[in-house]
PDB file of all heavy atoms in Angstrom:
ATOM      1  N   VAL A   1     -12.832  -4.956   0.786  1.00  0.00           N
ATOM      2  CA  VAL A   1     -13.651  -6.140   1.065  1.00  0.00           C
ATOM      3  C   VAL A   1     -12.725  -7.240   1.567  1.00  0.00           C
ATOM      4  O   VAL A   1     -11.729  -7.564   0.916  1.00  0.00           O
ATOM      5  CB  VAL A   1     -14.379  -6.616  -0.205  1.00  0.00           C
ATOM      6  CG1 VAL A   1     -15.284  -7.803   0.117  1.00  0.00           C
ATOM      7  CG2 VAL A   1     -15.166  -5.472  -0.825  1.00  0.00           C
ATOM      8  N   GLU A   2     -13.041  -7.820   2.723  1.00  0.00           N
ATOM      9  CA  GLU A   2     -12.277  -8.984   3.168  1.00  0.00           C
ATOM     10  C   GLU A   2     -13.209 -10.193   3.242  1.00  0.00           C
ATOM     11  O   GLU A   2     -14.291 -10.134   3.834  1.00  0.00           O
ATOM     12  CB  GLU A   2     -11.614  -8.753   4.522  1.00  0.00           C
ATOM     13  CG  GLU A   2     -10.681  -9.926   4.859  1.00  0.00           C
ATOM     14  CD  GLU A   2      -9.818  -9.736   6.096  1.00  0.00           C
ATOM     15  OE1 GLU A   2      -9.969  -8.715   6.794  1.00  0.00           O
ATOM     16  OE2 GLU A   2      -8.999 -10.633   6.371  1.00  0.00           O
ATOM     17  N   LEU A   3     -12.774 -11.276   2.620  1.00  0.00           N
ATOM     18  CA  LEU A   3     -13.528 -12.529   2.640  1.00  0.00           C
ATOM     19  C   LEU A   3     -13.027 -13.384   3.787  1.00  0.00           C
ATOM     20  O   LEU A   3     -11.860 -13.758   3.833  1.00  0.00           O
ATOM     21  CB  LEU A   3     -13.343 -13.276   1.307  1.00  0.00           C
ATOM     22  CG  LEU A   3     -13.578 -12.482   0.028  1.00  0.00           C
ATOM     23  CD1 LEU A   3     -13.383 -13.382  -1.189  1.00  0.00           C
ATOM     24  CD2 LEU A   3     -14.972 -11.868   0.013  1.00  0.00           C
ATOM     25  N   GLY A   4     -13.900 -13.666   4.758  1.00  0.00           N
ATOM     26  CA  GLY A   4     -13.504 -14.441   5.911  1.00  0.00           C
ATOM     27  C   GLY A   4     -12.478 -13.717   6.765  1.00  0.00           C
ATOM     28  O   GLY A   4     -11.323 -14.139   6.868  1.00  0.00           O
ATOM     29  N   PRO A   5     -12.864 -12.608   7.419  1.00  0.00           N
ATOM     30  CA  PRO A   5     -11.890 -11.746   8.088  1.00  0.00           C
ATOM     31  C   PRO A   5     -11.379 -12.230   9.447  1.00  0.00           C
ATOM     32  O   PRO A   5     -10.649 -11.497  10.120  1.00  0.00           O
ATOM     33  CB  PRO A   5     -12.655 -10.431   8.281  1.00  0.00           C
ATOM     34  CG  PRO A   5     -13.919 -10.560   7.475  1.00  0.00           C
ATOM     35  CD  PRO A   5     -14.216 -12.025   7.412  1.00  0.00           C
ATOM     36  N   GLY A   6     -11.741 -13.451   9.863  1.00  0.00           N
ATOM     37  CA  GLY A   6     -11.227 -13.952  11.151  1.00  0.00           C
ATOM     38  C   GLY A   6     -11.659 -13.070  12.297  1.00  0.00           C
ATOM     39  O   GLY A   6     -12.835 -12.722  12.435  1.00  0.00           O
ATOM     40  N   ARG A   7     -10.705 -12.671  13.105  1.00  0.00           N
ATOM     41  CA  ARG A   7     -10.993 -11.770  14.240  1.00  0.00           C
ATOM     42  C   ARG A   7     -10.937 -10.295  13.864  1.00  0.00           C
ATOM     43  O   ARG A   7     -11.105  -9.427  14.708  1.00  0.00           O
ATOM     44  CB  ARG A   7      -9.968 -12.006  15.350  1.00  0.00           C
ATOM     45  CG  ARG A   7     -10.155 -13.296  16.119  1.00  0.00           C
ATOM     46  CD  ARG A   7      -9.025 -13.408  17.125  1.00  0.00           C
ATOM     47  NE  ARG A   7      -9.286 -14.442  18.113  1.00  0.00           N
ATOM     48  CZ  ARG A   7      -8.410 -14.781  19.045  1.00  0.00           C
ATOM     49  NH1 ARG A   7      -7.242 -14.163  19.126  1.00  0.00           N
ATOM     50  NH2 ARG A   7      -8.697 -15.733  19.913  1.00  0.00           N
ATOM     51  N   GLY A   8     -10.622 -10.013  12.592  1.00  0.00           N
ATOM     52  CA  GLY A   8     -10.434  -8.639  12.186  1.00  0.00           C
ATOM     53  C   GLY A   8      -9.025  -8.156  12.363  1.00  0.00           C
ATOM     54  O   GLY A   8      -8.737  -6.968  12.143  1.00  0.00           O
ATOM     55  N   THR A   9      -8.115  -9.052  12.731  1.00  0.00           N
ATOM     56  CA  THR A   9      -6.725  -8.657  13.032  1.00  0.00           C
ATOM     57  C   THR A   9      -6.026  -8.131  11.805  1.00  0.00           C
ATOM     58  O   THR A   9      -5.345  -7.085  11.853  1.00  0.00           O
ATOM     59  CB  THR A   9      -5.950  -9.861  13.600  1.00  0.00           C
ATOM     60  OG1 THR A   9      -6.642 -10.364  14.740  1.00  0.00           O
ATOM     61  CG2 THR A   9      -4.552  -9.458  14.005  1.00  0.00           C
ATOM     62  N   LEU A  10      -6.153  -8.824  10.667  1.00  0.00           N
ATOM     63  CA  LEU A  10      -5.484  -8.359   9.452  1.00  0.00           C
ATOM     64  C   LEU A  10      -5.954  -6.957   9.090  1.00  0.00           C
ATOM     65  O   LEU A  10      -5.137  -6.069   8.825  1.00  0.00           O
ATOM     66  CB  LEU A  10      -5.765  -9.347   8.298  1.00  0.00           C
ATOM     67  CG  LEU A  10      -5.077  -9.095   6.950  1.00  0.00           C
ATOM     68  CD1 LEU A  10      -4.985 -10.402   6.155  1.00  0.00           C
ATOM     69  CD2 LEU A  10      -5.773  -8.043   6.101  1.00  0.00           C
ATOM     70  N   MET A  11      -7.255  -6.754   9.076  1.00  0.00           N
ATOM     71  CA  MET A  11      -7.779  -5.472   8.654  1.00  0.00           C
ATOM     72  C   MET A  11      -7.471  -4.368   9.668  1.00  0.00           C
ATOM     73  O   MET A  11      -7.219  -3.213   9.288  1.00  0.00           O
ATOM     74  CB  MET A  11      -9.282  -5.573   8.409  1.00  0.00           C
ATOM     75  CG  MET A  11      -9.850  -4.455   7.552  1.00  0.00           C
ATOM     76  SD  MET A  11      -8.971  -4.205   5.966  1.00  0.00           S
ATOM     77  CE  MET A  11      -9.320  -5.747   5.111  1.00  0.00           C
ATOM     78  N   LYS A  12      -7.444  -4.711  10.934  1.00  0.00           N
ATOM     79  CA  LYS A  12      -7.070  -3.720  11.964  1.00  0.00           C
ATOM     80  C   LYS A  12      -5.658  -3.219  11.702  1.00  0.00           C
ATOM     81  O   LYS A  12      -5.381  -2.007  11.708  1.00  0.00           O
ATOM     82  CB  LYS A  12      -7.159  -4.362  13.361  1.00  0.00           C
ATOM     83  CG  LYS A  12      -6.687  -3.461  14.490  1.00  0.00           C
ATOM     84  CD  LYS A  12      -6.656  -4.229  15.809  1.00  0.00           C
ATOM     85  CE  LYS A  12      -5.555  -5.292  15.811  1.00  0.00           C
ATOM     86  NZ  LYS A  12      -5.426  -5.973  17.110  1.00  0.00           N
ATOM     87  N   ASP A  13      -4.725  -4.145  11.475  1.00  0.00           N
ATOM     88  CA  ASP A  13      -3.334  -3.760  11.221  1.00  0.00           C
ATOM     89  C   ASP A  13      -3.186  -3.041   9.886  1.00  0.00           C
ATOM     90  O   ASP A  13      -2.424  -2.095   9.752  1.00  0.00           O
ATOM     91  CB  ASP A  13      -2.433  -4.989  11.260  1.00  0.00           C
ATOM     92  CG  ASP A  13      -2.342  -5.630  12.644  1.00  0.00           C
ATOM     93  OD1 ASP A  13      -2.571  -4.899  13.646  1.00  0.00           O
ATOM     94  OD2 ASP A  13      -2.055  -6.836  12.736  1.00  0.00           O
ATOM     95  N   ALA A  14      -3.939  -3.490   8.880  1.00  0.00           N
ATOM     96  CA  ALA A  14      -3.888  -2.860   7.562  1.00  0.00           C
ATOM     97  C   ALA A  14      -4.366  -1.411   7.612  1.00  0.00           C
ATOM     98  O   ALA A  14      -3.756  -0.512   7.003  1.00  0.00           O
ATOM     99  CB  ALA A  14      -4.726  -3.658   6.555  1.00  0.00           C
ATOM    100  N   MET A  15      -5.447  -1.173   8.336  1.00  0.00           N
ATOM    101  CA  MET A  15      -5.979   0.183   8.409  1.00  0.00           C
ATOM    102  C   MET A  15      -5.079   1.108   9.227  1.00  0.00           C
ATOM    103  O   MET A  15      -4.990   2.306   8.962  1.00  0.00           O
ATOM    104  CB  MET A  15      -7.394   0.155   8.991  1.00  0.00           C
ATOM    105  CG  MET A  15      -8.434  -0.440   8.034  1.00  0.00           C
ATOM    106  SD  MET A  15      -8.611   0.467   6.472  1.00  0.00           S
ATOM    107  CE  MET A  15      -7.619  -0.569   5.348  1.00  0.00           C
ATOM    108  N   ARG A  16      -4.391   0.543  10.219  1.00  0.00           N
ATOM    109  CA  ARG A  16      -3.415   1.362  10.959  1.00  0.00           C
ATOM    110  C   ARG A  16      -2.275   1.781  10.031  1.00  0.00           C
ATOM    111  O   ARG A  16      -1.866   2.941  10.017  1.00  0.00           O
ATOM    112  CB  ARG A  16      -2.876   0.576  12.152  1.00  0.00           C
ATOM    113  CG  ARG A  16      -1.943   1.435  13.034  1.00  0.00           C
ATOM    114  CD  ARG A  16      -1.449   0.686  14.255  1.00  0.00           C
ATOM    115  NE  ARG A  16      -0.644  -0.492  13.879  1.00  0.00           N
ATOM    116  CZ  ARG A  16      -1.053  -1.749  14.017  1.00  0.00           C
ATOM    117  NH1 ARG A  16      -2.250  -2.010  14.513  1.00  0.00           N
ATOM    118  NH2 ARG A  16      -0.266  -2.738  13.671  1.00  0.00           N
ATOM    119  N   ALA A  17      -1.774   0.824   9.248  1.00  0.00           N
ATOM    120  CA  ALA A  17      -0.690   1.138   8.319  1.00  0.00           C
ATOM    121  C   ALA A  17      -1.158   2.109   7.243  1.00  0.00           C
ATOM    122  O   ALA A  17      -0.373   2.947   6.764  1.00  0.00           O
ATOM    123  CB  ALA A  17      -0.164  -0.134   7.689  1.00  0.00           C
ATOM    124  N   ALA A  18      -2.431   2.044   6.864  1.00  0.00           N
ATOM    125  CA  ALA A  18      -2.946   2.895   5.809  1.00  0.00           C
ATOM    126  C   ALA A  18      -2.966   4.368   6.212  1.00  0.00           C
ATOM    127  O   ALA A  18      -3.103   5.252   5.341  1.00  0.00           O
ATOM    128  CB  ALA A  18      -4.358   2.435   5.418  1.00  0.00           C
ATOM    129  N   GLN A  19      -2.794   4.629   7.492  1.00  0.00           N
ATOM    130  CA  GLN A  19      -2.796   6.020   7.944  1.00  0.00           C
ATOM    131  C   GLN A  19      -1.622   6.798   7.356  1.00  0.00           C
ATOM    132  O   GLN A  19      -1.659   8.041   7.342  1.00  0.00           O
ATOM    133  CB  GLN A  19      -2.754   6.072   9.464  1.00  0.00           C
ATOM    134  CG  GLN A  19      -4.061   5.597  10.095  1.00  0.00           C
ATOM    135  CD  GLN A  19      -3.979   5.480  11.621  1.00  0.00           C
ATOM    136  OE1 GLN A  19      -2.895   5.421  12.201  1.00  0.00           O
ATOM    137  NE2 GLN A  19      -5.133   5.438  12.249  1.00  0.00           N
ATOM    138  N   VAL A  20      -0.593   6.122   6.854  1.00  0.00           N
ATOM    139  CA  VAL A  20       0.520   6.836   6.235  1.00  0.00           C
ATOM    140  C   VAL A  20       0.144   7.369   4.849  1.00  0.00           C
ATOM    141  O   VAL A  20       0.896   8.155   4.268  1.00  0.00           O
ATOM    142  CB  VAL A  20       1.793   5.943   6.124  1.00  0.00           C
ATOM    143  CG1 VAL A  20       2.220   5.445   7.496  1.00  0.00           C
ATOM    144  CG2 VAL A  20       1.582   4.784   5.156  1.00  0.00           C
ATOM    145  N   VAL A  21      -1.011   6.931   4.341  1.00  0.00           N
ATOM    146  CA  VAL A  21      -1.536   7.486   3.082  1.00  0.00           C
ATOM    147  C   VAL A  21      -2.944   8.015   3.386  1.00  0.00           C
ATOM    148  O   VAL A  21      -3.962   7.376   3.075  1.00  0.00           O
ATOM    149  CB  VAL A  21      -1.597   6.397   1.983  1.00  0.00           C
ATOM    150  CG1 VAL A  21      -1.991   7.022   0.639  1.00  0.00           C
ATOM    151  CG2 VAL A  21      -0.260   5.668   1.859  1.00  0.00           C
ATOM    152  N   PRO A  22      -3.030   9.218   4.013  1.00  0.00           N
ATOM    153  CA  PRO A  22      -4.315   9.711   4.495  1.00  0.00           C
ATOM    154  C   PRO A  22      -5.431   9.745   3.458  1.00  0.00           C
ATOM    155  O   PRO A  22      -6.586   9.397   3.778  1.00  0.00           O
ATOM    156  CB  PRO A  22      -3.981  11.104   5.015  1.00  0.00           C
ATOM    157  CG  PRO A  22      -2.533  11.027   5.393  1.00  0.00           C
ATOM    158  CD  PRO A  22      -1.920  10.108   4.376  1.00  0.00           C
ATOM    159  N   PRO A  23      -5.179  10.130   2.184  1.00  0.00           N
ATOM    160  CA  PRO A  23      -6.288  10.141   1.217  1.00  0.00           C
ATOM    161  C   PRO A  23      -6.883   8.749   0.990  1.00  0.00           C
ATOM    162  O   PRO A  23      -8.100   8.612   0.808  1.00  0.00           O
ATOM    163  CB  PRO A  23      -5.640  10.684  -0.058  1.00  0.00           C
ATOM    164  CG  PRO A  23      -4.438  11.443   0.397  1.00  0.00           C
ATOM    165  CD  PRO A  23      -3.939  10.701   1.592  1.00  0.00           C
ATOM    166  N   PHE A  24      -6.035   7.707   1.007  1.00  0.00           N
ATOM    167  CA  PHE A  24      -6.555   6.345   0.859  1.00  0.00           C
ATOM    168  C   PHE A  24      -7.384   5.984   2.064  1.00  0.00           C
ATOM    169  O   PHE A  24      -8.506   5.476   1.931  1.00  0.00           O
ATOM    170  CB  PHE A  24      -5.389   5.355   0.696  1.00  0.00           C
ATOM    171  CG  PHE A  24      -5.807   3.903   0.830  1.00  0.00           C
ATOM    172  CD1 PHE A  24      -6.736   3.346  -0.027  1.00  0.00           C
ATOM    173  CD2 PHE A  24      -5.284   3.115   1.846  1.00  0.00           C
ATOM    174  CE1 PHE A  24      -7.139   2.018   0.107  1.00  0.00           C
ATOM    175  CE2 PHE A  24      -5.661   1.783   1.990  1.00  0.00           C
ATOM    176  CZ  PHE A  24      -6.599   1.251   1.115  1.00  0.00           C
ATOM    177  N   ARG A  25      -6.855   6.234   3.243  1.00  0.00           N
ATOM    178  CA  ARG A  25      -7.561   5.899   4.495  1.00  0.00           C
ATOM    179  C   ARG A  25      -8.940   6.567   4.530  1.00  0.00           C
ATOM    180  O   ARG A  25      -9.934   5.949   4.931  1.00  0.00           O
ATOM    181  CB  ARG A  25      -6.688   6.341   5.660  1.00  0.00           C
ATOM    182  CG  ARG A  25      -7.247   6.142   7.035  1.00  0.00           C
ATOM    183  CD  ARG A  25      -7.290   4.665   7.424  1.00  0.00           C
ATOM    184  NE  ARG A  25      -7.433   4.563   8.871  1.00  0.00           N
ATOM    185  CZ  ARG A  25      -8.486   4.984   9.563  1.00  0.00           C
ATOM    186  NH1 ARG A  25      -9.498   5.538   8.932  1.00  0.00           N
ATOM    187  NH2 ARG A  25      -8.513   4.854  10.864  1.00  0.00           N
ATOM    188  N   LYS A  26      -8.992   7.822   4.066  1.00  0.00           N
ATOM    189  CA  LYS A  26     -10.245   8.559   4.042  1.00  0.00           C
ATOM    190  C   LYS A  26     -11.245   7.967   3.049  1.00  0.00           C
ATOM    191  O   LYS A  26     -12.465   8.038   3.248  1.00  0.00           O
ATOM    192  CB  LYS A  26      -9.981  10.021   3.706  1.00  0.00           C
ATOM    193  CG  LYS A  26     -11.213  10.915   3.801  1.00  0.00           C
ATOM    194  CD  LYS A  26     -10.850  12.352   3.495  1.00  0.00           C
ATOM    195  CE  LYS A  26     -12.095  13.251   3.551  1.00  0.00           C
ATOM    196  NZ  LYS A  26     -11.777  14.656   3.194  1.00  0.00           N
ATOM    197  N   ALA A  27     -10.731   7.354   1.974  1.00  0.00           N
ATOM    198  CA  ALA A  27     -11.589   6.824   0.914  1.00  0.00           C
ATOM    199  C   ALA A  27     -12.202   5.469   1.255  1.00  0.00           C
ATOM    200  O   ALA A  27     -13.176   5.047   0.618  1.00  0.00           O
ATOM    201  CB  ALA A  27     -10.773   6.697  -0.382  1.00  0.00           C
ATOM    202  N   VAL A  28     -11.673   4.820   2.292  1.00  0.00           N
ATOM    203  CA  VAL A  28     -12.051   3.418   2.553  1.00  0.00           C
ATOM    204  C   VAL A  28     -13.441   3.285   3.181  1.00  0.00           C
ATOM    205  O   VAL A  28     -13.775   3.982   4.141  1.00  0.00           O
ATOM    206  CB  VAL A  28     -11.017   2.746   3.465  1.00  0.00           C
ATOM    207  CG1 VAL A  28     -11.514   1.397   3.981  1.00  0.00           C
ATOM    208  CG2 VAL A  28      -9.683   2.549   2.725  1.00  0.00           C
ATOM    209  N   VAL A  29     -14.208   2.371   2.614  1.00  0.00           N
ATOM    210  CA  VAL A  29     -15.424   1.839   3.240  1.00  0.00           C
ATOM    211  C   VAL A  29     -15.196   0.329   3.395  1.00  0.00           C
ATOM    212  O   VAL A  29     -14.834  -0.348   2.439  1.00  0.00           O
ATOM    213  CB  VAL A  29     -16.671   2.094   2.360  1.00  0.00           C
ATOM    214  CG1 VAL A  29     -17.880   1.384   2.932  1.00  0.00           C
ATOM    215  CG2 VAL A  29     -16.925   3.580   2.216  1.00  0.00           C
ATOM    216  N   LEU A  30     -15.382  -0.197   4.605  1.00  0.00           N
ATOM    217  CA  LEU A  30     -15.088  -1.614   4.863  1.00  0.00           C
ATOM    218  C   LEU A  30     -16.329  -2.478   4.660  1.00  0.00           C
ATOM    219  O   LEU A  30     -17.404  -2.204   5.193  1.00  0.00           O
ATOM    220  CB  LEU A  30     -14.603  -1.787   6.310  1.00  0.00           C
ATOM    221  CG  LEU A  30     -13.136  -1.511   6.606  1.00  0.00           C
ATOM    222  CD1 LEU A  30     -12.858  -1.746   8.101  1.00  0.00           C
ATOM    223  CD2 LEU A  30     -12.218  -2.394   5.770  1.00  0.00           C
ATOM    224  N   ASP A  31     -16.149  -3.544   3.893  1.00  0.00           N
ATOM    225  CA  ASP A  31     -17.193  -4.536   3.680  1.00  0.00           C
ATOM    226  C   ASP A  31     -16.631  -5.904   4.064  1.00  0.00           C
ATOM    227  O   ASP A  31     -15.648  -6.359   3.450  1.00  0.00           O
ATOM    228  CB  ASP A  31     -17.651  -4.558   2.217  1.00  0.00           C
ATOM    229  CG  ASP A  31     -18.334  -3.255   1.817  1.00  0.00           C
ATOM    230  OD1 ASP A  31     -19.139  -2.755   2.620  1.00  0.00           O
ATOM    231  OD2 ASP A  31     -18.063  -2.761   0.713  1.00  0.00           O
ATOM    232  N   LEU A  32     -17.206  -6.531   5.078  1.00  0.00           N
ATOM    233  CA  LEU A  32     -16.679  -7.777   5.625  1.00  0.00           C
ATOM    234  C   LEU A  32     -17.628  -8.924   5.289  1.00  0.00           C
ATOM    235  O   LEU A  32     -18.800  -8.883   5.662  1.00  0.00           O
ATOM    236  CB  LEU A  32     -16.489  -7.636   7.134  1.00  0.00           C
ATOM    237  CG  LEU A  32     -15.615  -6.444   7.554  1.00  0.00           C
ATOM    238  CD1 LEU A  32     -15.686  -6.237   9.068  1.00  0.00           C
ATOM    239  CD2 LEU A  32     -14.190  -6.628   7.108  1.00  0.00           C
ATOM    240  N   VAL A  33     -17.124  -9.920   4.579  1.00  0.00           N
ATOM    241  CA  VAL A  33     -17.937 -11.065   4.186  1.00  0.00           C
ATOM    242  C   VAL A  33     -17.677 -12.183   5.184  1.00  0.00           C
ATOM    243  O   VAL A  33     -16.612 -12.799   5.203  1.00  0.00           O
ATOM    244  CB  VAL A  33     -17.597 -11.517   2.751  1.00  0.00           C
ATOM    245  CG1 VAL A  33     -18.417 -12.742   2.364  1.00  0.00           C
ATOM    246  CG2 VAL A  33     -17.869 -10.376   1.762  1.00  0.00           C
ATOM    247  N   GLU A  34     -18.650 -12.422   6.047  1.00  0.00           N
ATOM    248  CA  GLU A  34     -18.472 -13.330   7.193  1.00  0.00           C
ATOM    249  C   GLU A  34     -19.814 -13.963   7.552  1.00  0.00           C
ATOM    250  O   GLU A  34     -20.819 -13.273   7.669  1.00  0.00           O
ATOM    251  CB  GLU A  34     -17.939 -12.549   8.400  1.00  0.00           C
ATOM    252  CG  GLU A  34     -17.787 -13.343   9.666  1.00  0.00           C
ATOM    253  CD  GLU A  34     -16.791 -14.484   9.485  1.00  0.00           C
ATOM    254  OE1 GLU A  34     -15.596 -14.188   9.326  1.00  0.00           O
ATOM    255  OE2 GLU A  34     -17.229 -15.643   9.485  1.00  0.00           O
TER     256      GLU A  34
END
């Protein structure tokens, strides 16, 4: 969950980095409070 995600830049970069932990990346559902 991101509160006030701006342009989505933080979450875009975070999800790219999360690819190094594939089980976490697979578990993620994104909820954006905006």
